[in-house]
Amino acid sequence: KLLAILLPISAFVTLGLEHSIANWFFLPYGLALDGNGSG
């Protein structure tokens, strides 16, 4: 199971594709770090 997961997931990240749940971390985290994030 571990080996099956590695290549497809590494590929989508390397290719710059978009994962909605990961973005629920990336975007709120970035907004919280940016004092002018409301823009």
All heavy atoms as atom14 arrays in JSON, in Angstrom:
{
  "sequence": "KLLAILLPISAFVTLGLEHSIANWFFLPYGLALDGNGSG",
  "atom14_mask": [
    [1, 1, 1, 1, 1, 1, 1, 1, 1, 0, 0, 0, 0, 0],
    [1, 1, 1, 1, 1, 1, 1, 1, 0, 0, 0, 0, 0, 0],
    [1, 1, 1, 1, 1, 1, 1, 1, 0, 0, 0, 0, 0, 0],
    [1, 1, 1, 1, 1, 0, 0, 0, 0, 0, 0, 0, 0, 0],
    [1, 1, 1, 1, 1, 1, 1, 1, 0, 0, 0, 0, 0, 0],
    [1, 1, 1, 1, 1, 1, 1, 1, 0, 0, 0, 0, 0, 0],
    [1, 1, 1, 1, 1, 1, 1, 1, 0, 0, 0, 0, 0, 0],
    [1, 1, 1, 1, 1, 1, 1, 0, 0, 0, 0, 0, 0, 0],
    [1, 1, 1, 1, 1, 1, 1, 1, 0, 0, 0, 0, 0, 0],
    [1, 1, 1, 1, 1, 1, 0, 0, 0, 0, 0, 0, 0, 0],
    [1, 1, 1, 1, 1, 0, 0, 0, 0, 0, 0, 0, 0, 0],
    [1, 1, 1, 1, 1, 1, 1, 1, 1, 1, 1, 0, 0, 0],
    [1, 1, 1, 1, 1, 1, 1, 0, 0, 0, 0, 0, 0, 0],
    [1, 1, 1, 1, 1, 1, 1, 0, 0, 0, 0, 0, 0, 0],
    [1, 1, 1, 1, 1, 1, 1, 1, 0, 0, 0, 0, 0, 0],
    [1, 1, 1, 1, 0, 0, 0, 0, 0, 0, 0, 0, 0, 0],
    [1, 1, 1, 1, 1, 1, 1, 1, 0, 0, 0, 0, 0, 0],
    [1, 1, 1, 1, 1, 1, 1, 1, 1, 0, 0, 0, 0, 0],
    [1, 1, 1, 1, 1, 1, 1, 1, 1, 1, 0, 0, 0, 0],
    [1, 1, 1, 1, 1, 1, 0, 0, 0, 0, 0, 0, 0, 0],
    [1, 1, 1, 1, 1, 1, 1, 1, 0, 0, 0, 0, 0, 0],
    [1, 1, 1, 1, 1, 0, 0, 0, 0, 0, 0, 0, 0, 0],
    [1, 1, 1, 1, 1, 1, 1, 1, 0, 0, 0, 0, 0, 0],
    [1, 1, 1, 1, 1, 1, 1, 1, 1, 1, 1, 1, 1, 1],
    [1, 1, 1, 1, 1, 1, 1, 1, 1, 1, 1, 0, 0, 0],
    [1, 1, 1, 1, 1, 1, 1, 1, 1, 1, 1, 0, 0, 0],
    [1, 1, 1, 1, 1, 1, 1, 1, 0, 0, 0, 0, 0, 0],
    [1, 1, 1, 1, 1, 1, 1, 0, 0, 0, 0, 0, 0, 0],
    [1, 1, 1, 1, 1, 1, 1, 1, 1, 1, 1, 1, 0, 0],
    [1, 1, 1, 1, 0, 0, 0, 0, 0, 0, 0, 0, 0, 0],
    [1, 1, 1, 1, 1, 1, 1, 1, 0, 0, 0, 0, 0, 0],
    [1, 1, 1, 1, 1, 0, 0, 0, 0, 0, 0, 0, 0, 0],
    [1, 1, 1, 1, 1, 1, 1, 1, 0, 0, 0, 0, 0, 0],
    [1, 1, 1, 1, 1, 1, 1, 1, 0, 0, 0, 0, 0, 0],
    [1, 1, 1, 1, 0, 0, 0, 0, 0, 0, 0, 0, 0, 0],
    [1, 1, 1, 1, 1, 1, 1, 1, 0, 0, 0, 0, 0, 0],
    [1, 1, 1, 1, 0, 0, 0, 0, 0, 0, 0, 0, 0, 0],
    [1, 1, 1, 1, 1, 1, 0, 0, 0, 0, 0, 0, 0, 0],
    [1, 1, 1, 1, 0, 0, 0, 0, 0, 0, 0, 0, 0, 0]
  ],
  "atom14_positions": [
    [[0.82, -1.21, 0.0], [0.0, 0.0, 0.0], [0.86, 1.26, 0.0], [0.57, 2.23, -0.7], [-0.94, -0.02, 1.2], [-1.96, -1.16, 1.16], [-2.82, -1.18, 2.41], [-3.73, -2.41, 2.42], [-4.67, -2.44, 1.3], [0.0, 0.0, 0.0], [0.0, 0.0, 0.0], [0.0, 0.0, 0.0], [0.0, 0.0, 0.0], [0.0, 0.0, 0.0]],
    [[1.93, 1.23, 0.78], [2.83, 2.37, 0.85], [3.44, 2.67, -0.51], [3.43, 3.82, -0.98], [3.94, 2.1, 1.88], [5.02, 3.16, 2.03], [4.44, 4.45, 2.54], [6.11, 2.67, 2.96], [0.0, 0.0, 0.0], [0.0, 0.0, 0.0], [0.0, 0.0, 0.0], [0.0, 0.0, 0.0], [0.0, 0.0, 0.0], [0.0, 0.0, 0.0]],
    [[3.97, 1.66, -1.17], [4.61, 1.85, -2.47], [3.6, 2.27, -3.54], [3.92, 3.05, -4.44], [5.32, 0.57, -2.9], [6.54, 0.18, -2.05], [7.09, -1.18, -2.49], [7.63, 1.25, -2.14], [0.0, 0.0, 0.0], [0.0, 0.0, 0.0], [0.0, 0.0, 0.0], [0.0, 0.0, 0.0], [0.0, 0.0, 0.0], [0.0, 0.0, 0.0]],
    [[2.38, 1.76, -3.43], [1.34, 2.11, -4.4], [0.98, 3.6, -4.33], [0.63, 4.21, -5.35], [0.09, 1.27, -4.16], [0.0, 0.0, 0.0], [0.0, 0.0, 0.0], [0.0, 0.0, 0.0], [0.0, 0.0, 0.0], [0.0, 0.0, 0.0], [0.0, 0.0, 0.0], [0.0, 0.0, 0.0], [0.0, 0.0, 0.0], [0.0, 0.0, 0.0]],
    [[1.08, 4.18, -3.16], [0.69, 5.57, -2.96], [1.76, 6.55, -3.44], [1.44, 7.62, -3.97], [0.39, 5.81, -1.46], [-0.91, 5.1, -1.05], [0.31, 7.3, -1.13], [-1.11, 5.01, 0.44], [0.0, 0.0, 0.0], [0.0, 0.0, 0.0], [0.0, 0.0, 0.0], [0.0, 0.0, 0.0], [0.0, 0.0, 0.0], [0.0, 0.0, 0.0]],
    [[3.02, 6.19, -3.3], [4.1, 7.15, -3.48], [4.14, 7.83, -4.85], [4.21, 9.06, -4.93], [5.45, 6.48, -3.2], [5.72, 6.09, -1.74], [7.13, 5.51, -1.61], [5.57, 7.28, -0.8], [0.0, 0.0, 0.0], [0.0, 0.0, 0.0], [0.0, 0.0, 0.0], [0.0, 0.0, 0.0], [0.0, 0.0, 0.0], [0.0, 0.0, 0.0]],
    [[4.12, 7.05, -5.93], [4.3, 7.66, -7.24], [3.12, 8.54, -7.68], [3.34, 9.68, -8.12], [4.59, 6.59, -8.29], [6.03, 6.07, -8.29], [6.2, 4.97, -9.34], [7.02, 7.19, -8.57], [0.0, 0.0, 0.0], [0.0, 0.0, 0.0], [0.0, 0.0, 0.0], [0.0, 0.0, 0.0], [0.0, 0.0, 0.0], [0.0, 0.0, 0.0]],
    [[1.85, 8.08, -7.59], [0.76, 8.96, -8.02], [0.68, 10.26, -7.21], [0.44, 11.33, -7.78], [-0.5, 8.1, -7.8], [0.0, 6.7, -7.85], [1.35, 6.73, -7.23], [0.0, 0.0, 0.0], [0.0, 0.0, 0.0], [0.0, 0.0, 0.0], [0.0, 0.0, 0.0], [0.0, 0.0, 0.0], [0.0, 0.0, 0.0], [0.0, 0.0, 0.0]],
    [[0.89, 10.18, -5.9], [0.79, 11.39, -5.08], [1.98, 12.31, -5.32], [1.83, 13.53, -5.47], [0.67, 11.02, -3.59], [-0.57, 10.16, -3.36], [0.61, 12.29, -2.74], [-1.86, 10.78, -3.83], [0.0, 0.0, 0.0], [0.0, 0.0, 0.0], [0.0, 0.0, 0.0], [0.0, 0.0, 0.0], [0.0, 0.0, 0.0], [0.0, 0.0, 0.0]],
    [[3.18, 11.75, -5.41], [4.35, 12.56, -5.73], [4.17, 13.24, -7.08], [4.57, 14.4, -7.27], [5.62, 11.7, -5.77], [5.89, 11.15, -4.5], [0.0, 0.0, 0.0], [0.0, 0.0, 0.0], [0.0, 0.0, 0.0], [0.0, 0.0, 0.0], [0.0, 0.0, 0.0], [0.0, 0.0, 0.0], [0.0, 0.0, 0.0], [0.0, 0.0, 0.0]],
    [[3.56, 12.53, -8.02], [3.35, 13.08, -9.36], [2.42, 14.28, -9.33], [2.72, 15.32, -9.93], [2.78, 12.0, -10.28], [0.0, 0.0, 0.0], [0.0, 0.0, 0.0], [0.0, 0.0, 0.0], [0.0, 0.0, 0.0], [0.0, 0.0, 0.0], [0.0, 0.0, 0.0], [0.0, 0.0, 0.0], [0.0, 0.0, 0.0], [0.0, 0.0, 0.0]],
    [[1.29, 14.19, -8.63], [0.35, 15.31, -8.67], [0.95, 16.55, -8.0], [0.74, 17.69, -8.47], [-1.02, 14.91, -8.09], [-1.35, 15.4, -6.7], [-1.5, 16.75, -6.42], [-1.56, 14.49, -5.67], [-1.83, 17.19, -5.14], [-1.89, 14.92, -4.39], [-2.02, 16.28, -4.13], [0.0, 0.0, 0.0], [0.0, 0.0, 0.0], [0.0, 0.0, 0.0]],
    [[1.74, 16.36, -6.97], [2.37, 17.51, -6.31], [3.46, 18.1, -7.2], [3.55, 19.32, -7.37], [2.94, 17.09, -4.94], [3.66, 18.28, -4.29], [1.83, 16.58, -4.02], [0.0, 0.0, 0.0], [0.0, 0.0, 0.0], [0.0, 0.0, 0.0], [0.0, 0.0, 0.0], [0.0, 0.0, 0.0], [0.0, 0.0, 0.0], [0.0, 0.0, 0.0]],
    [[4.28, 17.24, -7.77], [5.36, 17.7, -8.65], [4.81, 18.48, -9.84], [5.38, 19.49, -10.26], [6.19, 16.51, -9.16], [6.69, 15.77, -8.04], [7.37, 16.97, -10.01], [0.0, 0.0, 0.0], [0.0, 0.0, 0.0], [0.0, 0.0, 0.0], [0.0, 0.0, 0.0], [0.0, 0.0, 0.0], [0.0, 0.0, 0.0], [0.0, 0.0, 0.0]],
    [[3.68, 18.04, -10.36], [3.06, 18.67, -11.52], [2.29, 19.94, -11.19], [1.77, 20.6, -12.1], [2.12, 17.66, -12.21], [2.81, 16.43, -12.82], [1.77, 15.4, -13.25], [3.68, 16.84, -13.99], [0.0, 0.0, 0.0], [0.0, 0.0, 0.0], [0.0, 0.0, 0.0], [0.0, 0.0, 0.0], [0.0, 0.0, 0.0], [0.0, 0.0, 0.0]],
    [[2.19, 20.28, -9.93], [1.51, 21.51, -9.54], [0.0, 21.43, -9.62], [-0.67, 22.45, -9.83], [0.0, 0.0, 0.0], [0.0, 0.0, 0.0], [0.0, 0.0, 0.0], [0.0, 0.0, 0.0], [0.0, 0.0, 0.0], [0.0, 0.0, 0.0], [0.0, 0.0, 0.0], [0.0, 0.0, 0.0], [0.0, 0.0, 0.0], [0.0, 0.0, 0.0]],
    [[-0.56, 20.23, -9.44], [-2.0, 20.07, -9.5], [-2.63, 20.48, -8.16], [-1.92, 20.73, -7.19], [-2.34, 18.63, -9.89], [-1.67, 18.17, -11.2], [-2.05, 16.73, -11.54], [-2.02, 19.1, -12.35], [0.0, 0.0, 0.0], [0.0, 0.0, 0.0], [0.0, 0.0, 0.0], [0.0, 0.0, 0.0], [0.0, 0.0, 0.0], [0.0, 0.0, 0.0]],
    [[-3.97, 20.54, -8.14], [-4.66, 21.17, -7.01], [-5.56, 20.19, -6.26], [-6.46, 19.58, -6.85], [-5.5, 22.36, -7.5], [-4.68, 23.49, -8.09], [-4.0, 24.33, -7.01], [-4.65, 24.69, -6.01], [-2.8, 24.63, -7.17], [0.0, 0.0, 0.0], [0.0, 0.0, 0.0], [0.0, 0.0, 0.0], [0.0, 0.0, 0.0], [0.0, 0.0, 0.0]],
    [[-5.35, 20.1, -4.95], [-6.1, 19.2, -4.07], [-6.91, 20.06, -3.1], [-6.36, 20.82, -2.32], [-5.13, 18.3, -3.31], [-5.78, 17.21, -2.53], [-6.22, 17.37, -1.24], [-6.05, 15.92, -2.87], [-6.74, 16.24, -0.81], [-6.65, 15.34, -1.77], [0.0, 0.0, 0.0], [0.0, 0.0, 0.0], [0.0, 0.0, 0.0], [0.0, 0.0, 0.0]],
    [[-8.24, 19.92, -3.15], [-9.11, 20.81, -2.39], [-8.86, 20.75, -0.89], [-8.83, 21.79, -0.21], [-10.58, 20.49, -2.68], [-10.87, 19.12, -2.39], [0.0, 0.0, 0.0], [0.0, 0.0, 0.0], [0.0, 0.0, 0.0], [0.0, 0.0, 0.0], [0.0, 0.0, 0.0], [0.0, 0.0, 0.0], [0.0, 0.0, 0.0], [0.0, 0.0, 0.0]],
    [[-8.67, 19.56, -0.34], [-8.5, 19.45, 1.11], [-7.14, 20.0, 1.53], [-7.03, 20.71, 2.54], [-8.68, 17.99, 1.56], [-10.05, 17.46, 1.1], [-8.56, 17.9, 3.09], [-11.25, 18.33, 1.48], [0.0, 0.0, 0.0], [0.0, 0.0, 0.0], [0.0, 0.0, 0.0], [0.0, 0.0, 0.0], [0.0, 0.0, 0.0], [0.0, 0.0, 0.0]],
    [[-6.1, 19.71, 0.76], [-4.79, 20.31, 1.06], [-4.88, 21.83, 1.02], [-4.26, 22.53, 1.83], [-3.74, 19.81, 0.07], [0.0, 0.0, 0.0], [0.0, 0.0, 0.0], [0.0, 0.0, 0.0], [0.0, 0.0, 0.0], [0.0, 0.0, 0.0], [0.0, 0.0, 0.0], [0.0, 0.0, 0.0], [0.0, 0.0, 0.0], [0.0, 0.0, 0.0]],
    [[-5.68, 22.35, 0.08], [-5.81, 23.8, -0.04], [-6.55, 24.41, 1.15], [-6.41, 25.61, 1.42], [-6.5, 24.18, -1.35], [-5.57, 24.01, -2.53], [-4.43, 23.57, -2.38], [-6.03, 24.35, -3.72], [0.0, 0.0, 0.0], [0.0, 0.0, 0.0], [0.0, 0.0, 0.0], [0.0, 0.0, 0.0], [0.0, 0.0, 0.0], [0.0, 0.0, 0.0]],
    [[-7.34, 23.6, 1.86], [-7.97, 24.08, 3.09], [-6.94, 24.24, 4.21], [-7.25, 24.83, 5.25], [-9.1, 23.16, 3.52], [-10.43, 23.52, 2.91], [-11.08, 22.89, 1.9], [-11.26, 24.61, 3.3], [-12.27, 23.53, 1.62], [-12.4, 24.59, 2.47], [-11.16, 25.62, 4.26], [-13.43, 25.53, 2.56], [-12.19, 26.55, 4.37], [-13.3, 26.5, 3.53]],
    [[-5.74, 23.72, 4.0], [-4.62, 24.03, 4.89], [-3.78, 25.16, 4.32], [-3.54, 26.17, 4.98], [-3.73, 22.82, 5.13], [-2.48, 23.16, 5.89], [-2.5, 23.28, 7.28], [-1.27, 23.41, 5.23], [-1.36, 23.64, 7.99], [-0.13, 23.76, 5.93], [-0.17, 23.88, 7.31], [0.0, 0.0, 0.0], [0.0, 0.0, 0.0], [0.0, 0.0, 0.0]],
    [[-3.34, 25.01, 3.06], [-2.44, 26.0, 2.46], [-3.02, 27.42, 2.49], [-2.33, 28.37, 2.87], [-2.16, 25.62, 1.0], [-1.18, 24.51, 0.81], [-1.52, 23.39, 0.05], [0.1, 24.56, 1.34], [-0.62, 22.36, -0.16], [1.02, 23.54, 1.15], [0.66, 22.43, 0.39], [0.0, 0.0, 0.0], [0.0, 0.0, 0.0], [0.0, 0.0, 0.0]],
    [[-4.27, 27.57, 2.08], [-4.85, 28.9, 1.94], [-5.15, 29.57, 3.29], [-4.72, 30.72, 3.51], [-6.09, 28.84, 1.05], [-5.77, 28.61, -0.44], [-7.0, 28.16, -1.2], [-5.19, 29.86, -1.08], [0.0, 0.0, 0.0], [0.0, 0.0, 0.0], [0.0, 0.0, 0.0], [0.0, 0.0, 0.0], [0.0, 0.0, 0.0], [0.0, 0.0, 0.0]],
    [[-5.84, 28.9, 4.23], [-6.03, 29.54, 5.54], [-4.72, 29.82, 6.27], [-4.61, 30.85, 6.95], [-6.89, 28.52, 6.3], [-7.63, 27.78, 5.25], [-6.64, 27.67, 4.11], [0.0, 0.0, 0.0], [0.0, 0.0, 0.0], [0.0, 0.0, 0.0], [0.0, 0.0, 0.0], [0.0, 0.0, 0.0], [0.0, 0.0, 0.0], [0.0, 0.0, 0.0]],
    [[-3.74, 28.94, 6.1], [-2.44, 29.17, 6.74], [-1.78, 30.42, 6.17], [-1.27, 31.27, 6.9], [-1.56, 27.94, 6.55], [-0.25, 27.98, 7.34], [-0.2, 28.47, 8.64], [0.93, 27.51, 6.76], [0.99, 28.48, 9.36], [2.13, 27.51, 7.47], [2.16, 28.02, 8.77], [3.34, 28.04, 9.48], [0.0, 0.0, 0.0], [0.0, 0.0, 0.0]],
    [[-1.8, 30.53, 4.85], [-1.23, 31.72, 4.22], [-1.97, 32.99, 4.61], [-1.35, 34.02, 4.9], [0.0, 0.0, 0.0], [0.0, 0.0, 0.0], [0.0, 0.0, 0.0], [0.0, 0.0, 0.0], [0.0, 0.0, 0.0], [0.0, 0.0, 0.0], [0.0, 0.0, 0.0], [0.0, 0.0, 0.0], [0.0, 0.0, 0.0], [0.0, 0.0, 0.0]],
    [[-3.29, 32.92, 4.66], [-4.09, 34.08, 5.07], [-3.75, 34.5, 6.5], [-3.66, 35.69, 6.81], [-5.58, 33.76, 4.95], [-6.15, 33.74, 3.53], [-7.52, 33.07, 3.53], [-6.27, 35.16, 2.98], [0.0, 0.0, 0.0], [0.0, 0.0, 0.0], [0.0, 0.0, 0.0], [0.0, 0.0, 0.0], [0.0, 0.0, 0.0], [0.0, 0.0, 0.0]],
    [[-3.56, 33.51, 7.36], [-3.25, 33.81, 8.77], [-1.87, 34.44, 8.92], [-1.64, 35.25, 9.82], [-3.34, 32.53, 9.6], [0.0, 0.0, 0.0], [0.0, 0.0, 0.0], [0.0, 0.0, 0.0], [0.0, 0.0, 0.0], [0.0, 0.0, 0.0], [0.0, 0.0, 0.0], [0.0, 0.0, 0.0], [0.0, 0.0, 0.0], [0.0, 0.0, 0.0]],
    [[-0.95, 34.08, 8.03], [0.42, 34.61, 8.11], [0.53, 36.0, 7.49], [1.47, 36.74, 7.79], [1.39, 33.67, 7.38], [1.62, 32.3, 8.02], [2.49, 31.44, 7.11], [2.26, 32.43, 9.4], [0.0, 0.0, 0.0], [0.0, 0.0, 0.0], [0.0, 0.0, 0.0], [0.0, 0.0, 0.0], [0.0, 0.0, 0.0], [0.0, 0.0, 0.0]],
    [[-0.42, 36.35, 6.64], [-0.38, 37.63, 5.94], [-1.3, 38.63, 6.61], [-2.52, 38.45, 6.63], [-0.8, 37.42, 4.48], [-0.66, 38.69, 3.65], [-0.14, 39.7, 4.17], [-1.05, 38.65, 2.48], [0.0, 0.0, 0.0], [0.0, 0.0, 0.0], [0.0, 0.0, 0.0], [0.0, 0.0, 0.0], [0.0, 0.0, 0.0], [0.0, 0.0, 0.0]],
    [[-0.73, 39.68, 7.14], [-1.54, 40.7, 7.8], [-2.52, 41.38, 6.87], [-3.55, 41.9, 7.29], [0.0, 0.0, 0.0], [0.0, 0.0, 0.0], [0.0, 0.0, 0.0], [0.0, 0.0, 0.0], [0.0, 0.0, 0.0], [0.0, 0.0, 0.0], [0.0, 0.0, 0.0], [0.0, 0.0, 0.0], [0.0, 0.0, 0.0], [0.0, 0.0, 0.0]],
    [[-2.22, 41.36, 5.56], [-3.09, 41.98, 4.56], [-3.78, 40.92, 3.71], [-4.1, 41.16, 2.55], [-2.28, 42.92, 3.65], [-1.64, 44.05, 4.43], [-2.29, 44.68, 5.26], [-0.36, 44.32, 4.18], [0.0, 0.0, 0.0], [0.0, 0.0, 0.0], [0.0, 0.0, 0.0], [0.0, 0.0, 0.0], [0.0, 0.0, 0.0], [0.0, 0.0, 0.0]],
    [[-3.98, 39.77, 4.28], [-4.54, 38.65, 3.54], [-5.94, 38.86, 3.0], [-6.36, 38.18, 2.07], [0.0, 0.0, 0.0], [0.0, 0.0, 0.0], [0.0, 0.0, 0.0], [0.0, 0.0, 0.0], [0.0, 0.0, 0.0], [0.0, 0.0, 0.0], [0.0, 0.0, 0.0], [0.0, 0.0, 0.0], [0.0, 0.0, 0.0], [0.0, 0.0, 0.0]],
    [[-6.67, 39.8, 3.58], [-8.04, 40.04, 3.12], [-8.08, 40.46, 1.66], [-9.09, 40.3, 0.98], [-8.71, 41.11, 3.99], [-7.96, 42.32, 3.95], [0.0, 0.0, 0.0], [0.0, 0.0, 0.0], [0.0, 0.0, 0.0], [0.0, 0.0, 0.0], [0.0, 0.0, 0.0], [0.0, 0.0, 0.0], [0.0, 0.0, 0.0], [0.0, 0.0, 0.0]],
    [[-6.95, 40.97, 1.15], [-6.88, 41.41, -0.24], [-7.0, 40.27, -1.22], [-7.39, 40.48, -2.38], [0.0, 0.0, 0.0], [0.0, 0.0, 0.0], [0.0, 0.0, 0.0], [0.0, 0.0, 0.0], [0.0, 0.0, 0.0], [0.0, 0.0, 0.0], [0.0, 0.0, 0.0], [0.0, 0.0, 0.0], [0.0, 0.0, 0.0], [0.0, 0.0, 0.0]]
  ]
}
